[in-house]
Amino acid sequence: MTEHRGPQDLTFLIEQHKKEIWEWKQKESKWLEDKVLLDGTKKLVDKLSEELTAMKEINDTHQELNGKLQVELTEAKEDNKKLAHQIEDKVNIMRNSGL
């Protein structure tokens, strides 16, 4: 007697369902792996975003302070020029007076 293994055979159907279950478990495993990877990536992006925001604040503060220093430097240079002219004038007055 030959064995009939067509779509109506119960053993055949059980094997097919086992195969489908195994395939779905493989897909589920891949989905879970992808979810873990995505969650980790999300945490990394969130952390980098926070750090970038903090760095932007630091950069803004740095630019503000640098601007103030530039103003002070320009003022100091102008003061030095004025002092140099005053000293030169005093030296010239002293030379002309015979000292």
PDB file of N, CA and C in Angstrom:
ATOM      1  N   MET A   1       0.849  -1.170   0.000  1.00  0.00           N
ATOM      2  CA  MET A   1       0.000   0.000   0.000  1.00  0.00           C
ATOM      3  C   MET A   1       0.905   1.248   0.000  1.00  0.00           C
ATOM      4  N   THR A   2       0.617   2.170  -0.891  1.00  0.00           N
ATOM      5  CA  THR A   2       1.419   3.377  -0.976  1.00  0.00           C
ATOM      6  C   THR A   2       0.876   4.428  -0.030  1.00  0.00           C
ATOM      7  N   GLU A   3       1.776   5.222   0.475  1.00  0.00           N
ATOM      8  CA  GLU A   3       1.385   6.268   1.409  1.00  0.00           C
ATOM      9  C   GLU A   3       0.948   7.487   0.621  1.00  0.00           C
ATOM     10  N   HIS A   4      -0.170   8.043   0.970  1.00  0.00           N
ATOM     11  CA  HIS A   4      -0.686   9.247   0.296  1.00  0.00           C
ATOM     12  C   HIS A   4      -0.335  10.454   1.157  1.00  0.00           C
ATOM     13  N   ARG A   5       0.494  11.338   0.613  1.00  0.00           N
ATOM     14  CA  ARG A   5       0.932  12.504   1.385  1.00  0.00           C
ATOM     15  C   ARG A   5       0.509  13.775   0.667  1.00  0.00           C
ATOM     16  N   GLY A   6      -0.719  13.919   0.420  1.00  0.00           N
ATOM     17  CA  GLY A   6      -1.228  15.115  -0.237  1.00  0.00           C
ATOM     18  C   GLY A   6      -1.687  16.130   0.783  1.00  0.00           C
ATOM     19  N   PRO A   7      -2.278  17.206   0.315  1.00  0.00           N
ATOM     20  CA  PRO A   7      -2.701  18.279   1.205  1.00  0.00           C
ATOM     21  C   PRO A   7      -3.741  17.854   2.239  1.00  0.00           C
ATOM     22  N   GLN A   8      -4.401  16.731   2.039  1.00  0.00           N
ATOM     23  CA  GLN A   8      -5.415  16.274   2.985  1.00  0.00           C
ATOM     24  C   GLN A   8      -4.829  15.353   4.061  1.00  0.00           C
ATOM     25  N   ASP A   9      -3.595  14.911   3.893  1.00  0.00           N
ATOM     26  CA  ASP A   9      -2.948  14.019   4.840  1.00  0.00           C
ATOM     27  C   ASP A   9      -2.615  14.790   6.117  1.00  0.00           C
ATOM     28  N   LEU A  10      -3.033  14.281   7.266  1.00  0.00           N
ATOM     29  CA  LEU A  10      -2.849  14.963   8.540  1.00  0.00           C
ATOM     30  C   LEU A  10      -1.372  15.127   8.888  1.00  0.00           C
ATOM     31  N   THR A  11      -0.549  14.126   8.657  1.00  0.00           N
ATOM     32  CA  THR A  11       0.881  14.207   8.942  1.00  0.00           C
ATOM     33  C   THR A  11       1.516  15.297   8.096  1.00  0.00           C
ATOM     34  N   PHE A  12       1.120  15.340   6.829  1.00  0.00           N
ATOM     35  CA  PHE A  12       1.647  16.364   5.920  1.00  0.00           C
ATOM     36  C   PHE A  12       1.267  17.767   6.422  1.00  0.00           C
ATOM     37  N   LEU A  13       0.013  17.936   6.850  1.00  0.00           N
ATOM     38  CA  LEU A  13      -0.445  19.237   7.356  1.00  0.00           C
ATOM     39  C   LEU A  13       0.316  19.639   8.625  1.00  0.00           C
ATOM     40  N   ILE A  14       0.558  18.679   9.518  1.00  0.00           N
ATOM     41  CA  ILE A  14       1.288  18.970  10.749  1.00  0.00           C
ATOM     42  C   ILE A  14       2.713  19.408  10.428  1.00  0.00           C
ATOM     43  N   GLU A  15       3.367  18.723   9.507  1.00  0.00           N
ATOM     44  CA  GLU A  15       4.723  19.089   9.107  1.00  0.00           C
ATOM     45  C   GLU A  15       4.751  20.488   8.487  1.00  0.00           C
ATOM     46  N   GLN A  16       3.775  20.781   7.670  1.00  0.00           N
ATOM     47  CA  GLN A  16       3.693  22.106   7.045  1.00  0.00           C
ATOM     48  C   GLN A  16       3.514  23.195   8.103  1.00  0.00           C
ATOM     49  N   HIS A  17       2.639  22.942   9.068  1.00  0.00           N
ATOM     50  CA  HIS A  17       2.412  23.915  10.131  1.00  0.00           C
ATOM     51  C   HIS A  17       3.661  24.087  11.006  1.00  0.00           C
ATOM     52  N   LYS A  18       4.365  23.000  11.273  1.00  0.00           N
ATOM     53  CA  LYS A  18       5.609  23.098  12.035  1.00  0.00           C
ATOM     54  C   LYS A  18       6.629  23.947  11.283  1.00  0.00           C
ATOM     55  N   LYS A  19       6.674  23.719   9.981  1.00  0.00           N
ATOM     56  CA  LYS A  19       7.600  24.501   9.161  1.00  0.00           C
ATOM     57  C   LYS A  19       7.220  25.987   9.186  1.00  0.00           C
ATOM     58  N   GLU A  20       5.930  26.285   9.077  1.00  0.00           N
ATOM     59  CA  GLU A  20       5.468  27.682   9.134  1.00  0.00           C
ATOM     60  C   GLU A  20       5.749  28.300  10.502  1.00  0.00           C
ATOM     61  N   ILE A  21       5.521  27.536  11.558  1.00  0.00           N
ATOM     62  CA  ILE A  21       5.789  28.027  12.911  1.00  0.00           C
ATOM     63  C   ILE A  21       7.273  28.353  13.057  1.00  0.00           C
ATOM     64  N   TRP A  22       8.152  27.460  12.567  1.00  0.00           N
ATOM     65  CA  TRP A  22       9.592  27.692  12.640  1.00  0.00           C
ATOM     66  C   TRP A  22       9.962  28.972  11.876  1.00  0.00           C
ATOM     67  N   GLU A  23       9.382  29.142  10.675  1.00  0.00           N
ATOM     68  CA  GLU A  23       9.660  30.352   9.886  1.00  0.00           C
ATOM     69  C   GLU A  23       9.200  31.607  10.619  1.00  0.00           C
ATOM     70  N   TRP A  24       8.024  31.556  11.257  1.00  0.00           N
ATOM     71  CA  TRP A  24       7.530  32.719  12.005  1.00  0.00           C
ATOM     72  C   TRP A  24       8.401  33.009  13.220  1.00  0.00           C
ATOM     73  N   LYS A  25       8.881  31.942  13.858  1.00  0.00           N
ATOM     74  CA  LYS A  25       9.784  32.138  15.000  1.00  0.00           C
ATOM     75  C   LYS A  25      11.088  32.785  14.543  1.00  0.00           C
ATOM     76  N   GLN A  26      11.579  32.422  13.377  1.00  0.00           N
ATOM     77  CA  GLN A  26      12.780  33.038  12.829  1.00  0.00           C
ATOM     78  C   GLN A  26      12.543  34.526  12.555  1.00  0.00           C
ATOM     79  N   LYS A  27      11.379  34.821  11.979  1.00  0.00           N
ATOM     80  CA  LYS A  27      11.035  36.225  11.712  1.00  0.00           C
ATOM     81  C   LYS A  27      10.899  37.000  13.019  1.00  0.00           C
ATOM     82  N   GLU A  28      10.252  36.395  14.004  1.00  0.00           N
ATOM     83  CA  GLU A  28      10.089  37.052  15.296  1.00  0.00           C
ATOM     84  C   GLU A  28      11.454  37.329  15.930  1.00  0.00           C
ATOM     85  N   SER A  29      12.341  36.358  15.840  1.00  0.00           N
ATOM     86  CA  SER A  29      13.684  36.532  16.380  1.00  0.00           C
ATOM     87  C   SER A  29      14.387  37.697  15.699  1.00  0.00           C
ATOM     88  N   LYS A  30      14.255  37.796  14.397  1.00  0.00           N
ATOM     89  CA  LYS A  30      14.869  38.898  13.652  1.00  0.00           C
ATOM     90  C   LYS A  30      14.226  40.225  14.056  1.00  0.00           C
ATOM     91  N   TRP A  31      12.910  40.240  14.215  1.00  0.00           N
ATOM     92  CA  TRP A  31      12.221  41.471  14.629  1.00  0.00           C
ATOM     93  C   TRP A  31      12.705  41.923  16.014  1.00  0.00           C
ATOM     94  N   LEU A  32      12.847  40.958  16.928  1.00  0.00           N
ATOM     95  CA  LEU A  32      13.325  41.301  18.270  1.00  0.00           C
ATOM     96  C   LEU A  32      14.757  41.832  18.221  1.00  0.00           C
ATOM     97  N   GLU A  33      15.579  41.213  17.402  1.00  0.00           N
ATOM     98  CA  GLU A  33      16.957  41.678  17.228  1.00  0.00           C
ATOM     99  C   GLU A  33      16.966  43.106  16.677  1.00  0.00           C
ATOM    100  N   ASP A  34      16.133  43.356  15.673  1.00  0.00           N
ATOM    101  CA  ASP A  34      16.039  44.706  15.087  1.00  0.00           C
ATOM    102  C   ASP A  34      15.535  45.714  16.113  1.00  0.00           C
ATOM    103  N   LYS A  35      14.571  45.288  16.957  1.00  0.00           N
ATOM    104  CA  LYS A  35      14.031  46.199  17.969  1.00  0.00           C
ATOM    105  C   LYS A  35      15.108  46.591  18.974  1.00  0.00           C
ATOM    106  N   VAL A  36      15.904  45.618  19.408  1.00  0.00           N
ATOM    107  CA  VAL A  36      16.991  45.909  20.344  1.00  0.00           C
ATOM    108  C   VAL A  36      17.978  46.891  19.706  1.00  0.00           C
ATOM    109  N   LEU A  37      18.311  46.647  18.439  1.00  0.00           N
ATOM    110  CA  LEU A  37      19.231  47.535  17.724  1.00  0.00           C
ATOM    111  C   LEU A  37      18.634  48.934  17.592  1.00  0.00           C
ATOM    112  N   LEU A  38      17.358  49.022  17.253  1.00  0.00           N
ATOM    113  CA  LEU A  38      16.704  50.325  17.108  1.00  0.00           C
ATOM    114  C   LEU A  38      16.614  51.057  18.444  1.00  0.00           C
ATOM    115  N   ASP A  39      16.306  50.321  19.522  1.00  0.00           N
ATOM    116  CA  ASP A  39      16.247  50.955  20.847  1.00  0.00           C
ATOM    117  C   ASP A  39      17.613  51.508  21.245  1.00  0.00           C
ATOM    118  N   GLY A  40      18.658  50.723  20.984  1.00  0.00           N
ATOM    119  CA  GLY A  40      20.007  51.189  21.292  1.00  0.00           C
ATOM    120  C   GLY A  40      20.377  52.414  20.471  1.00  0.00           C
ATOM    121  N   THR A  41      20.015  52.393  19.203  1.00  0.00           N
ATOM    122  CA  THR A  41      20.295  53.531  18.324  1.00  0.00           C
ATOM    123  C   THR A  41      19.541  54.761  18.788  1.00  0.00           C
ATOM    124  N   LYS A  42      18.286  54.573  19.206  1.00  0.00           N
ATOM    125  CA  LYS A  42      17.484  55.695  19.693  1.00  0.00           C
ATOM    126  C   LYS A  42      18.133  56.320  20.924  1.00  0.00           C
ATOM    127  N   LYS A  43      18.592  55.477  21.849  1.00  0.00           N
ATOM    128  CA  LYS A  43      19.250  56.002  23.052  1.00  0.00           C
ATOM    129  C   LYS A  43      20.505  56.783  22.672  1.00  0.00           C
ATOM    130  N   LEU A  44      21.260  56.260  21.722  1.00  0.00           N
ATOM    131  CA  LEU A  44      22.473  56.942  21.280  1.00  0.00           C
ATOM    132  C   LEU A  44      22.150  58.288  20.642  1.00  0.00           C
ATOM    133  N   VAL A  45      21.125  58.315  19.796  1.00  0.00           N
ATOM    134  CA  VAL A  45      20.721  59.564  19.150  1.00  0.00           C
ATOM    135  C   VAL A  45      20.241  60.568  20.199  1.00  0.00           C
ATOM    136  N   ASP A  46      19.467  60.104  21.170  1.00  0.00           N
ATOM    137  CA  ASP A  46      19.001  60.999  22.238  1.00  0.00           C
ATOM    138  C   ASP A  46      20.179  61.587  23.019  1.00  0.00           C
ATOM    139  N   LYS A  47      21.149  60.738  23.354  1.00  0.00           N
ATOM    140  CA  LYS A  47      22.314  61.205  24.106  1.00  0.00           C
ATOM    141  C   LYS A  47      23.120  62.208  23.291  1.00  0.00           C
ATOM    142  N   LEU A  48      23.353  61.894  22.018  1.00  0.00           N
ATOM    143  CA  LEU A  48      24.105  62.808  21.155  1.00  0.00           C
ATOM    144  C   LEU A  48      23.362  64.129  20.968  1.00  0.00           C
ATOM    145  N   SER A  49      22.049  64.062  20.896  1.00  0.00           N
ATOM    146  CA  SER A  49      21.245  65.276  20.764  1.00  0.00           C
ATOM    147  C   SER A  49      21.389  66.155  21.999  1.00  0.00           C
ATOM    148  N   GLU A  50      21.364  65.533  23.178  1.00  0.00           N
ATOM    149  CA  GLU A  50      21.556  66.286  24.424  1.00  0.00           C
ATOM    150  C   GLU A  50      22.941  66.930  24.454  1.00  0.00           C
ATOM    151  N   GLU A  51      23.953  66.146  24.072  1.00  0.00           N
ATOM    152  CA  GLU A  51      25.316  66.678  24.067  1.00  0.00           C
ATOM    153  C   GLU A  51      25.464  67.818  23.060  1.00  0.00           C
ATOM    154  N   LEU A  52      24.837  67.681  21.915  1.00  0.00           N
ATOM    155  CA  LEU A  52      24.901  68.733  20.899  1.00  0.00           C
ATOM    156  C   LEU A  52      24.244  70.012  21.405  1.00  0.00           C
ATOM    157  N   THR A  53      23.119  69.869  22.095  1.00  0.00           N
ATOM    158  CA  THR A  53      22.443  71.032  22.667  1.00  0.00           C
ATOM    159  C   THR A  53      23.345  71.705  23.704  1.00  0.00           C
ATOM    160  N   ALA A  54      23.973  70.904  24.543  1.00  0.00           N
ATOM    161  CA  ALA A  54      24.883  71.457  25.557  1.00  0.00           C
ATOM    162  C   ALA A  54      26.069  72.150  24.893  1.00  0.00           C
ATOM    163  N   MET A  55      26.602  71.540  23.833  1.00  0.00           N
ATOM    164  CA  MET A  55      27.739  72.137  23.135  1.00  0.00           C
ATOM    165  C   MET A  55      27.329  73.446  22.458  1.00  0.00           C
ATOM    166  N   LYS A  56      26.097  73.506  21.955  1.00  0.00           N
ATOM    167  CA  LYS A  56      25.617  74.740  21.326  1.00  0.00           C
ATOM    168  C   LYS A  56      25.555  75.859  22.360  1.00  0.00           C
ATOM    169  N   GLU A  57      25.062  75.521  23.547  1.00  0.00           N
ATOM    170  CA  GLU A  57      25.013  76.525  24.625  1.00  0.00           C
ATOM    171  C   GLU A  57      26.422  76.988  24.987  1.00  0.00           C
ATOM    172  N   ILE A  58      27.352  76.031  25.081  1.00  0.00           N
ATOM    173  CA  ILE A  58      28.742  76.387  25.390  1.00  0.00           C
ATOM    174  C   ILE A  58      29.308  77.265  24.281  1.00  0.00           C
ATOM    175  N   ASN A  59      29.022  76.899  23.037  1.00  0.00           N
ATOM    176  CA  ASN A  59      29.521  77.678  21.901  1.00  0.00           C
ATOM    177  C   ASN A  59      28.948  79.095  21.921  1.00  0.00           C
ATOM    178  N   ASP A  60      27.667  79.224  22.206  1.00  0.00           N
ATOM    179  CA  ASP A  60      27.054  80.557  22.266  1.00  0.00           C
ATOM    180  C   ASP A  60      27.728  81.401  23.352  1.00  0.00           C
ATOM    181  N   THR A  61      27.944  80.790  24.522  1.00  0.00           N
ATOM    182  CA  THR A  61      28.603  81.496  25.624  1.00  0.00           C
ATOM    183  C   THR A  61      30.032  81.867  25.228  1.00  0.00           C
ATOM    184  N   HIS A  62      30.721  80.939  24.605  1.00  0.00           N
ATOM    185  CA  HIS A  62      32.091  81.191  24.170  1.00  0.00           C
ATOM    186  C   HIS A  62      32.135  82.351  23.174  1.00  0.00           C
ATOM    187  N   GLN A  63      31.226  82.356  22.220  1.00  0.00           N
ATOM    188  CA  GLN A  63      31.204  83.443  21.234  1.00  0.00           C
ATOM    189  C   GLN A  63      30.933  84.789  21.907  1.00  0.00           C
ATOM    190  N   GLU A  64      30.036  84.787  22.875  1.00  0.00           N
ATOM    191  CA  GLU A  64      29.732  86.028  23.593  1.00  0.00           C
ATOM    192  C   GLU A  64      30.969  86.536  24.339  1.00  0.00           C
ATOM    193  N   LEU A  65      31.634  85.626  25.053  1.00  0.00           N
ATOM    194  CA  LEU A  65      32.838  86.021  25.791  1.00  0.00           C
ATOM    195  C   LEU A  65      33.950  86.455  24.842  1.00  0.00           C
ATOM    196  N   ASN A  66      34.097  85.737  23.742  1.00  0.00           N
ATOM    197  CA  ASN A  66      35.112  86.091  22.765  1.00  0.00           C
ATOM    198  C   ASN A  66      34.845  87.477  22.184  1.00  0.00           C
ATOM    199  N   GLY A  67      33.580  87.778  21.941  1.00  0.00           N
ATOM    200  CA  GLY A  67      33.223  89.112  21.447  1.00  0.00           C
ATOM    201  C   GLY A  67      33.608  90.194  22.442  1.00  0.00           C
ATOM    202  N   LYS A  68      33.348  89.940  23.719  1.00  0.00           N
ATOM    203  CA  LYS A  68      33.713  90.912  24.758  1.00  0.00           C
ATOM    204  C   LYS A  68      35.228  91.091  24.825  1.00  0.00           C
ATOM    205  N   LEU A  69      35.947  89.971  24.718  1.00  0.00           N
ATOM    206  CA  LEU A  69      37.406  90.054  24.744  1.00  0.00           C
ATOM    207  C   LEU A  69      37.941  90.839  23.538  1.00  0.00           C
ATOM    208  N   GLN A  70      37.337  90.663  22.407  1.00  0.00           N
ATOM    209  CA  GLN A  70      37.761  91.406  21.211  1.00  0.00           C
ATOM    210  C   GLN A  70      37.568  92.905  21.417  1.00  0.00           C
ATOM    211  N   VAL A  71      36.440  93.278  22.022  1.00  0.00           N
ATOM    212  CA  VAL A  71      36.181  94.696  22.302  1.00  0.00           C
ATOM    213  C   VAL A  71      37.248  95.231  23.266  1.00  0.00           C
ATOM    214  N   GLU A  72      37.516  94.469  24.345  1.00  0.00           N
ATOM    215  CA  GLU A  72      38.521  94.900  25.313  1.00  0.00           C
ATOM    216  C   GLU A  72      39.908  94.988  24.672  1.00  0.00           C
ATOM    217  N   LEU A  73      40.237  94.042  23.809  1.00  0.00           N
ATOM    218  CA  LEU A  73      41.530  94.058  23.134  1.00  0.00           C
ATOM    219  C   LEU A  73      41.657  95.291  22.243  1.00  0.00           C
ATOM    220  N   THR A  74      40.617  95.598  21.525  1.00  0.00           N
ATOM    221  CA  THR A  74      40.628  96.788  20.660  1.00  0.00           C
ATOM    222  C   THR A  74      40.803  98.043  21.499  1.00  0.00           C
ATOM    223  N   GLU A  75      40.097  98.111  22.619  1.00  0.00           N
ATOM    224  CA  GLU A  75      40.233  99.269  23.514  1.00  0.00           C
ATOM    225  C   GLU A  75      41.653  99.362  24.070  1.00  0.00           C
ATOM    226  N   ALA A  76      42.227  98.229  24.459  1.00  0.00           N
ATOM    227  CA  ALA A  76      43.586  98.223  25.002  1.00  0.00           C
ATOM    228  C   ALA A  76      44.592  98.677  23.943  1.00  0.00           C
ATOM    229  N   LYS A  77      44.415  98.240  22.707  1.00  0.00           N
ATOM    230  CA  LYS A  77      45.304  98.665  21.627  1.00  0.00           C
ATOM    231  C   LYS A  77      45.212 100.171  21.403  1.00  0.00           C
ATOM    232  N   GLU A  78      43.997 100.688  21.434  1.00  0.00           N
ATOM    233  CA  GLU A  78      43.805 102.134  21.258  1.00  0.00           C
ATOM    234  C   GLU A  78      44.452 102.900  22.415  1.00  0.00           C
ATOM    235  N   ASP A  79      44.263 102.395  23.632  1.00  0.00           N
ATOM    236  CA  ASP A  79      44.888 103.032  24.799  1.00  0.00           C
ATOM    237  C   ASP A  79      46.411 103.012  24.675  1.00  0.00           C
ATOM    238  N   ASN A  80      46.975 101.900  24.228  1.00  0.00           N
ATOM    239  CA  ASN A  80      48.426 101.795  24.048  1.00  0.00           C
ATOM    240  C   ASN A  80      48.928 102.814  23.025  1.00  0.00           C
ATOM    241  N   LYS A  81      48.166 102.972  21.925  1.00  0.00           N
ATOM    242  CA  LYS A  81      48.559 103.958  20.910  1.00  0.00           C
ATOM    243  C   LYS A  81      48.544 105.374  21.494  1.00  0.00           C
ATOM    244  N   LYS A  82      47.501 105.663  22.260  1.00  0.00           N
ATOM    245  CA  LYS A  82      47.398 106.994  22.871  1.00  0.00           C
ATOM    246  C   LYS A  82      48.551 107.222  23.851  1.00  0.00           C
ATOM    247  N   LEU A  83      48.844 106.204  24.672  1.00  0.00           N
ATOM    248  CA  LEU A  83      49.948 106.323  25.626  1.00  0.00           C
ATOM    249  C   LEU A  83      51.288 106.492  24.901  1.00  0.00           C
ATOM    250  N   ALA A  84      51.471 105.765  23.815  1.00  0.00           N
ATOM    251  CA  ALA A  84      52.718 105.890  23.055  1.00  0.00           C
ATOM    252  C   ALA A  84      52.862 107.306  22.504  1.00  0.00           C
ATOM    253  N   HIS A  85      51.770 107.879  22.003  1.00  0.00           N
ATOM    254  CA  HIS A  85      51.813 109.254  21.491  1.00  0.00           C
ATOM    255  C   HIS A  85      52.095 110.249  22.628  1.00  0.00           C
ATOM    256  N   GLN A  86      51.471 110.019  23.767  1.00  0.00           N
ATOM    257  CA  GLN A  86      51.712 110.914  24.902  1.00  0.00           C
ATOM    258  C   GLN A  86      53.182 110.860  25.340  1.00  0.00           C
ATOM    259  N   ILE A  87      53.722 109.646  25.397  1.00  0.00           N
ATOM    260  CA  ILE A  87      55.126 109.496  25.794  1.00  0.00           C
ATOM    261  C   ILE A  87      56.038 110.172  24.761  1.00  0.00           C
ATOM    262  N   GLU A  88      55.716 109.951  23.490  1.00  0.00           N
ATOM    263  CA  GLU A  88      56.520 110.563  22.435  1.00  0.00           C
ATOM    264  C   GLU A  88      56.455 112.082  22.527  1.00  0.00           C
ATOM    265  N   ASP A  89      55.260 112.605  22.777  1.00  0.00           N
ATOM    266  CA  ASP A  89      55.120 114.059  22.930  1.00  0.00           C
ATOM    267  C   ASP A  89      55.937 114.559  24.123  1.00  0.00           C
ATOM    268  N   LYS A  90      55.887 113.858  25.257  1.00  0.00           N
ATOM    269  CA  LYS A  90      56.640 114.261  26.450  1.00  0.00           C
ATOM    270  C   LYS A  90      58.149 114.221  26.180  1.00  0.00           C
ATOM    271  N   VAL A  91      58.586 113.148  25.489  1.00  0.00           N
ATOM    272  CA  VAL A  91      60.013 113.033  25.162  1.00  0.00           C
ATOM    273  C   VAL A  91      60.428 114.188  24.253  1.00  0.00           C
ATOM    274  N   ASN A  92      59.614 114.529  23.278  1.00  0.00           N
ATOM    275  CA  ASN A  92      59.917 115.645  22.365  1.00  0.00           C
ATOM    276  C   ASN A  92      59.968 116.981  23.126  1.00  0.00           C
ATOM    277  N   ILE A  93      59.043 117.139  24.058  1.00  0.00           N
ATOM    278  CA  ILE A  93      59.041 118.383  24.861  1.00  0.00           C
ATOM    279  C   ILE A  93      60.319 118.454  25.668  1.00  0.00           C
ATOM    280  N   MET A  94      60.728 117.306  26.247  1.00  0.00           N
ATOM    281  CA  MET A  94      61.940 117.281  27.048  1.00  0.00           C
ATOM    282  C   MET A  94      63.175 117.550  26.172  1.00  0.00           C
ATOM    283  N   ARG A  95      63.229 117.023  24.985  1.00  0.00           N
ATOM    284  CA  ARG A  95      64.348 117.245  24.074  1.00  0.00           C
ATOM    285  C   ARG A  95      64.436 118.710  23.674  1.00  0.00           C
ATOM    286  N   ASN A  96      63.243 119.249  23.337  1.00  0.00           N
ATOM    287  CA  ASN A  96      63.203 120.661  22.899  1.00  0.00           C
ATOM    288  C   ASN A  96      63.560 121.623  24.028  1.00  0.00           C
ATOM    289  N   SER A  97      63.313 121.227  25.264  1.00  0.00           N
ATOM    290  CA  SER A  97      63.647 122.096  26.388  1.00  0.00           C
ATOM    291  C   SER A  97      65.099 121.939  26.841  1.00  0.00           C
ATOM    292  N   GLY A  98      65.788 121.012  26.191  1.00  0.00           N
ATOM    293  CA  GLY A  98      67.208 120.828  26.471  1.00  0.00           C
ATOM    294  C   GLY A  98      67.518 119.786  27.514  1.00  0.00           C
ATOM    295  N   LEU A  99      66.563 119.019  27.871  1.00  0.00           N
ATOM    296  CA  LEU A  99      66.868 117.973  28.876  1.00  0.00           C
ATOM    297  C   LEU A  99      67.460 116.762  28.228  1.00  0.00           C
TER     298      LEU A  99
END
